[in-house]
Amino acid sequence: MKHGVNHGIPRWYRAGYRMKNQCDKCGFKSEHAEVFRVFHVDQNLDNCRHSNLKTVCANCRTMLAKEGIRWKQGDLVPDY
C-alpha cells in the first residue's frame, strides 16, 4: 500500500460499513448525512465489525456521551 492512500478514510468505511439515513437508536430519518455519526458500541475504534457499528443522530450521540453507553452488545438488532 502506498503511503497516504487511505489518509482521511475512516476505518469503518474501509471495512465496508456505510452510514444510514436513519438513527439506529431513535429512528430519526434525514437526507442530510451531516446529522449522523458512526458509533462504536464497544467504544473500541479499531473494532470495525459491522455488529459493533451503528449509525446515530447528533441528538442520540450527545445523549450517549452524557448519560453513558446504554447499549449492550446483546441488545442490538442485526442490520441484515
N, C-alpha and C. Protein backbone atom coordinates (compact mmCIF):
# COMPACT_ATOMS: atom_id res chain seq x y z
N MET A 1 0.84 -1.18 0.00
CA MET A 1 0.00 0.00 0.00
C MET A 1 0.89 1.24 0.00
N LYS A 2 0.56 2.18 -0.82
CA LYS A 2 1.32 3.42 -0.89
C LYS A 2 1.01 4.29 0.31
N HIS A 3 1.99 5.05 0.74
CA HIS A 3 1.82 5.95 1.87
C HIS A 3 0.73 6.98 1.56
N GLY A 4 -0.24 7.11 2.48
CA GLY A 4 -1.26 8.13 2.35
C GLY A 4 -2.47 7.75 1.52
N VAL A 5 -2.51 6.54 0.97
CA VAL A 5 -3.63 6.15 0.12
C VAL A 5 -4.94 6.18 0.90
N ASN A 6 -4.94 5.75 2.15
CA ASN A 6 -6.15 5.71 2.97
C ASN A 6 -6.27 6.90 3.91
N HIS A 7 -5.44 7.89 3.72
CA HIS A 7 -5.46 9.06 4.59
C HIS A 7 -6.85 9.72 4.56
N GLY A 8 -7.44 9.88 5.73
CA GLY A 8 -8.72 10.55 5.83
C GLY A 8 -9.93 9.65 5.62
N ILE A 9 -9.71 8.39 5.28
CA ILE A 9 -10.83 7.46 5.10
C ILE A 9 -10.99 6.68 6.40
N PRO A 10 -12.15 6.81 7.05
CA PRO A 10 -12.34 6.12 8.34
C PRO A 10 -12.21 4.60 8.21
N ARG A 11 -11.75 3.97 9.28
CA ARG A 11 -11.59 2.52 9.28
C ARG A 11 -12.91 1.81 9.02
N TRP A 12 -13.99 2.33 9.61
CA TRP A 12 -15.29 1.69 9.43
C TRP A 12 -15.70 1.71 7.96
N TYR A 13 -15.34 2.76 7.24
CA TYR A 13 -15.67 2.86 5.82
C TYR A 13 -14.84 1.85 5.03
N ARG A 14 -13.56 1.76 5.35
CA ARG A 14 -12.69 0.79 4.68
C ARG A 14 -13.14 -0.64 4.95
N ALA A 15 -13.80 -0.86 6.11
CA ALA A 15 -14.30 -2.20 6.47
C ALA A 15 -15.62 -2.52 5.77
N GLY A 16 -16.17 -1.56 5.01
CA GLY A 16 -17.38 -1.81 4.24
C GLY A 16 -18.67 -1.30 4.88
N TYR A 17 -18.60 -0.69 6.07
CA TYR A 17 -19.80 -0.16 6.71
C TYR A 17 -20.16 1.17 6.06
N ARG A 18 -21.45 1.41 5.86
CA ARG A 18 -21.92 2.68 5.31
C ARG A 18 -22.97 3.24 6.25
N MET A 19 -22.87 4.54 6.52
CA MET A 19 -23.86 5.20 7.36
C MET A 19 -25.21 5.13 6.69
N LYS A 20 -26.23 5.03 7.51
CA LYS A 20 -27.60 5.01 7.02
C LYS A 20 -28.17 6.42 7.07
N ASN A 21 -29.38 6.58 6.57
CA ASN A 21 -30.06 7.88 6.67
C ASN A 21 -31.11 7.83 7.78
N GLN A 22 -30.90 6.89 8.73
CA GLN A 22 -31.80 6.74 9.87
C GLN A 22 -30.98 6.35 11.10
N CYS A 23 -31.33 6.93 12.25
CA CYS A 23 -30.64 6.64 13.50
C CYS A 23 -31.04 5.25 13.99
N ASP A 24 -30.05 4.43 14.33
CA ASP A 24 -30.31 3.09 14.85
C ASP A 24 -30.85 3.12 16.28
N LYS A 25 -30.70 4.24 16.98
CA LYS A 25 -31.17 4.33 18.37
C LYS A 25 -32.60 4.85 18.45
N CYS A 26 -32.91 5.97 17.81
CA CYS A 26 -34.23 6.60 17.97
C CYS A 26 -35.11 6.51 16.73
N GLY A 27 -34.52 6.16 15.59
CA GLY A 27 -35.30 6.04 14.36
C GLY A 27 -35.42 7.31 13.54
N PHE A 28 -34.81 8.42 14.00
CA PHE A 28 -34.86 9.68 13.27
C PHE A 28 -34.32 9.49 11.86
N LYS A 29 -35.01 10.04 10.87
CA LYS A 29 -34.58 9.95 9.47
C LYS A 29 -34.24 11.33 8.95
N SER A 30 -33.22 11.39 8.10
CA SER A 30 -32.83 12.64 7.46
C SER A 30 -32.06 12.34 6.19
N GLU A 31 -32.24 13.18 5.21
CA GLU A 31 -31.46 13.08 3.98
C GLU A 31 -30.11 13.79 4.12
N HIS A 32 -29.90 14.47 5.24
CA HIS A 32 -28.66 15.22 5.48
C HIS A 32 -27.69 14.35 6.29
N ALA A 33 -26.69 13.83 5.62
CA ALA A 33 -25.73 12.92 6.26
C ALA A 33 -24.98 13.57 7.41
N GLU A 34 -24.89 14.90 7.41
CA GLU A 34 -24.12 15.61 8.44
C GLU A 34 -24.68 15.41 9.84
N VAL A 35 -25.94 15.01 9.97
CA VAL A 35 -26.53 14.85 11.30
C VAL A 35 -26.23 13.48 11.90
N PHE A 36 -25.58 12.61 11.15
CA PHE A 36 -25.30 11.25 11.62
C PHE A 36 -23.81 11.02 11.83
N ARG A 37 -23.51 10.11 12.75
CA ARG A 37 -22.15 9.66 13.02
C ARG A 37 -22.18 8.16 13.18
N VAL A 38 -21.03 7.53 12.95
CA VAL A 38 -20.90 6.10 13.19
C VAL A 38 -20.47 5.93 14.64
N PHE A 39 -21.18 5.08 15.34
CA PHE A 39 -20.96 4.84 16.77
C PHE A 39 -20.41 3.42 16.95
N HIS A 40 -19.31 3.31 17.69
CA HIS A 40 -18.72 2.01 18.02
C HIS A 40 -19.31 1.56 19.36
N VAL A 41 -20.11 0.52 19.35
CA VAL A 41 -20.83 0.08 20.54
C VAL A 41 -19.87 -0.23 21.68
N ASP A 42 -18.77 -0.92 21.40
CA ASP A 42 -17.84 -1.28 22.47
C ASP A 42 -16.80 -0.18 22.73
N GLN A 43 -16.94 0.95 22.06
CA GLN A 43 -16.07 2.12 22.20
C GLN A 43 -14.64 1.87 21.72
N ASN A 44 -14.39 0.76 21.05
CA ASN A 44 -13.08 0.43 20.50
C ASN A 44 -13.08 0.82 19.03
N LEU A 45 -12.40 1.90 18.70
CA LEU A 45 -12.39 2.41 17.32
C LEU A 45 -11.70 1.47 16.34
N ASP A 46 -10.92 0.51 16.85
CA ASP A 46 -10.28 -0.47 15.99
C ASP A 46 -11.20 -1.64 15.66
N ASN A 47 -12.30 -1.79 16.40
CA ASN A 47 -13.25 -2.88 16.18
C ASN A 47 -14.29 -2.41 15.17
N CYS A 48 -14.07 -2.73 13.91
CA CYS A 48 -14.96 -2.28 12.84
C CYS A 48 -15.81 -3.41 12.29
N ARG A 49 -16.10 -4.40 13.14
CA ARG A 49 -17.07 -5.42 12.74
C ARG A 49 -18.43 -4.74 12.60
N HIS A 50 -19.18 -5.11 11.62
CA HIS A 50 -20.47 -4.45 11.37
C HIS A 50 -21.40 -4.57 12.56
N SER A 51 -21.30 -5.65 13.33
CA SER A 51 -22.15 -5.81 14.51
C SER A 51 -21.79 -4.81 15.61
N ASN A 52 -20.63 -4.18 15.52
CA ASN A 52 -20.19 -3.21 16.52
C ASN A 52 -20.45 -1.77 16.07
N LEU A 53 -20.90 -1.57 14.85
CA LEU A 53 -21.08 -0.23 14.30
C LEU A 53 -22.55 0.11 14.13
N LYS A 54 -22.93 1.28 14.58
CA LYS A 54 -24.30 1.76 14.44
C LYS A 54 -24.28 3.20 13.98
N THR A 55 -25.31 3.59 13.25
CA THR A 55 -25.48 4.97 12.82
C THR A 55 -26.37 5.67 13.84
N VAL A 56 -25.89 6.78 14.39
CA VAL A 56 -26.68 7.53 15.37
C VAL A 56 -26.76 9.00 14.97
N CYS A 57 -27.90 9.62 15.31
CA CYS A 57 -28.08 11.05 15.02
C CYS A 57 -27.31 11.88 16.06
N ALA A 58 -27.20 13.15 15.79
CA ALA A 58 -26.45 14.05 16.67
C ALA A 58 -27.06 14.08 18.07
N ASN A 59 -28.39 14.06 18.17
CA ASN A 59 -29.03 14.09 19.47
C ASN A 59 -28.71 12.83 20.28
N CYS A 60 -28.83 11.67 19.67
CA CYS A 60 -28.53 10.41 20.37
C CYS A 60 -27.06 10.32 20.74
N ARG A 61 -26.19 10.80 19.87
CA ARG A 61 -24.75 10.78 20.16
C ARG A 61 -24.46 11.62 21.40
N THR A 62 -25.09 12.79 21.50
CA THR A 62 -24.92 13.65 22.67
C THR A 62 -25.44 12.96 23.93
N MET A 63 -26.60 12.34 23.82
CA MET A 63 -27.18 11.66 24.98
C MET A 63 -26.35 10.46 25.40
N LEU A 64 -25.81 9.71 24.45
CA LEU A 64 -24.94 8.58 24.78
C LEU A 64 -23.70 9.05 25.53
N ALA A 65 -23.15 10.17 25.10
CA ALA A 65 -21.97 10.72 25.77
C ALA A 65 -22.31 11.25 27.17
N LYS A 66 -23.47 11.88 27.29
CA LYS A 66 -23.87 12.48 28.57
C LYS A 66 -24.31 11.44 29.60
N GLU A 67 -25.12 10.50 29.16
CA GLU A 67 -25.70 9.52 30.08
C GLU A 67 -24.88 8.25 30.20
N GLY A 68 -23.92 8.08 29.36
CA GLY A 68 -23.15 6.84 29.35
C GLY A 68 -23.73 5.87 28.35
N ILE A 69 -22.96 4.91 27.99
CA ILE A 69 -23.37 3.94 26.99
C ILE A 69 -24.44 3.03 27.59
N ARG A 70 -25.60 3.00 26.94
CA ARG A 70 -26.69 2.15 27.43
C ARG A 70 -26.95 0.98 26.49
N TRP A 71 -26.20 0.91 25.43
CA TRP A 71 -26.33 -0.23 24.53
C TRP A 71 -25.42 -1.33 25.02
N LYS A 72 -25.92 -2.51 25.03
CA LYS A 72 -25.12 -3.69 25.32
C LYS A 72 -25.10 -4.51 24.03
N GLN A 73 -24.04 -5.23 23.80
CA GLN A 73 -23.88 -5.97 22.56
C GLN A 73 -25.07 -6.89 22.31
N GLY A 74 -25.60 -7.53 23.31
CA GLY A 74 -26.72 -8.44 23.14
C GLY A 74 -28.04 -7.75 22.85
N ASP A 75 -28.13 -6.44 23.09
CA ASP A 75 -29.37 -5.69 22.88
C ASP A 75 -29.54 -5.24 21.44
N LEU A 76 -28.54 -5.36 20.63
CA LEU A 76 -28.59 -4.82 19.28
C LEU A 76 -29.34 -5.74 18.33
N VAL A 77 -30.03 -5.15 17.41
CA VAL A 77 -30.75 -5.89 16.38
C VAL A 77 -29.85 -5.92 15.14
N PRO A 78 -29.60 -7.10 14.56
CA PRO A 78 -28.75 -7.16 13.38
C PRO A 78 -29.33 -6.32 12.24
N ASP A 79 -28.45 -5.80 11.38
CA ASP A 79 -28.83 -4.95 10.27
C ASP A 79 -29.27 -5.73 9.04
N TYR A 80 -29.12 -7.03 9.05
CA TYR A 80 -29.46 -7.81 7.85
C TYR A 80 -30.87 -8.30 7.88
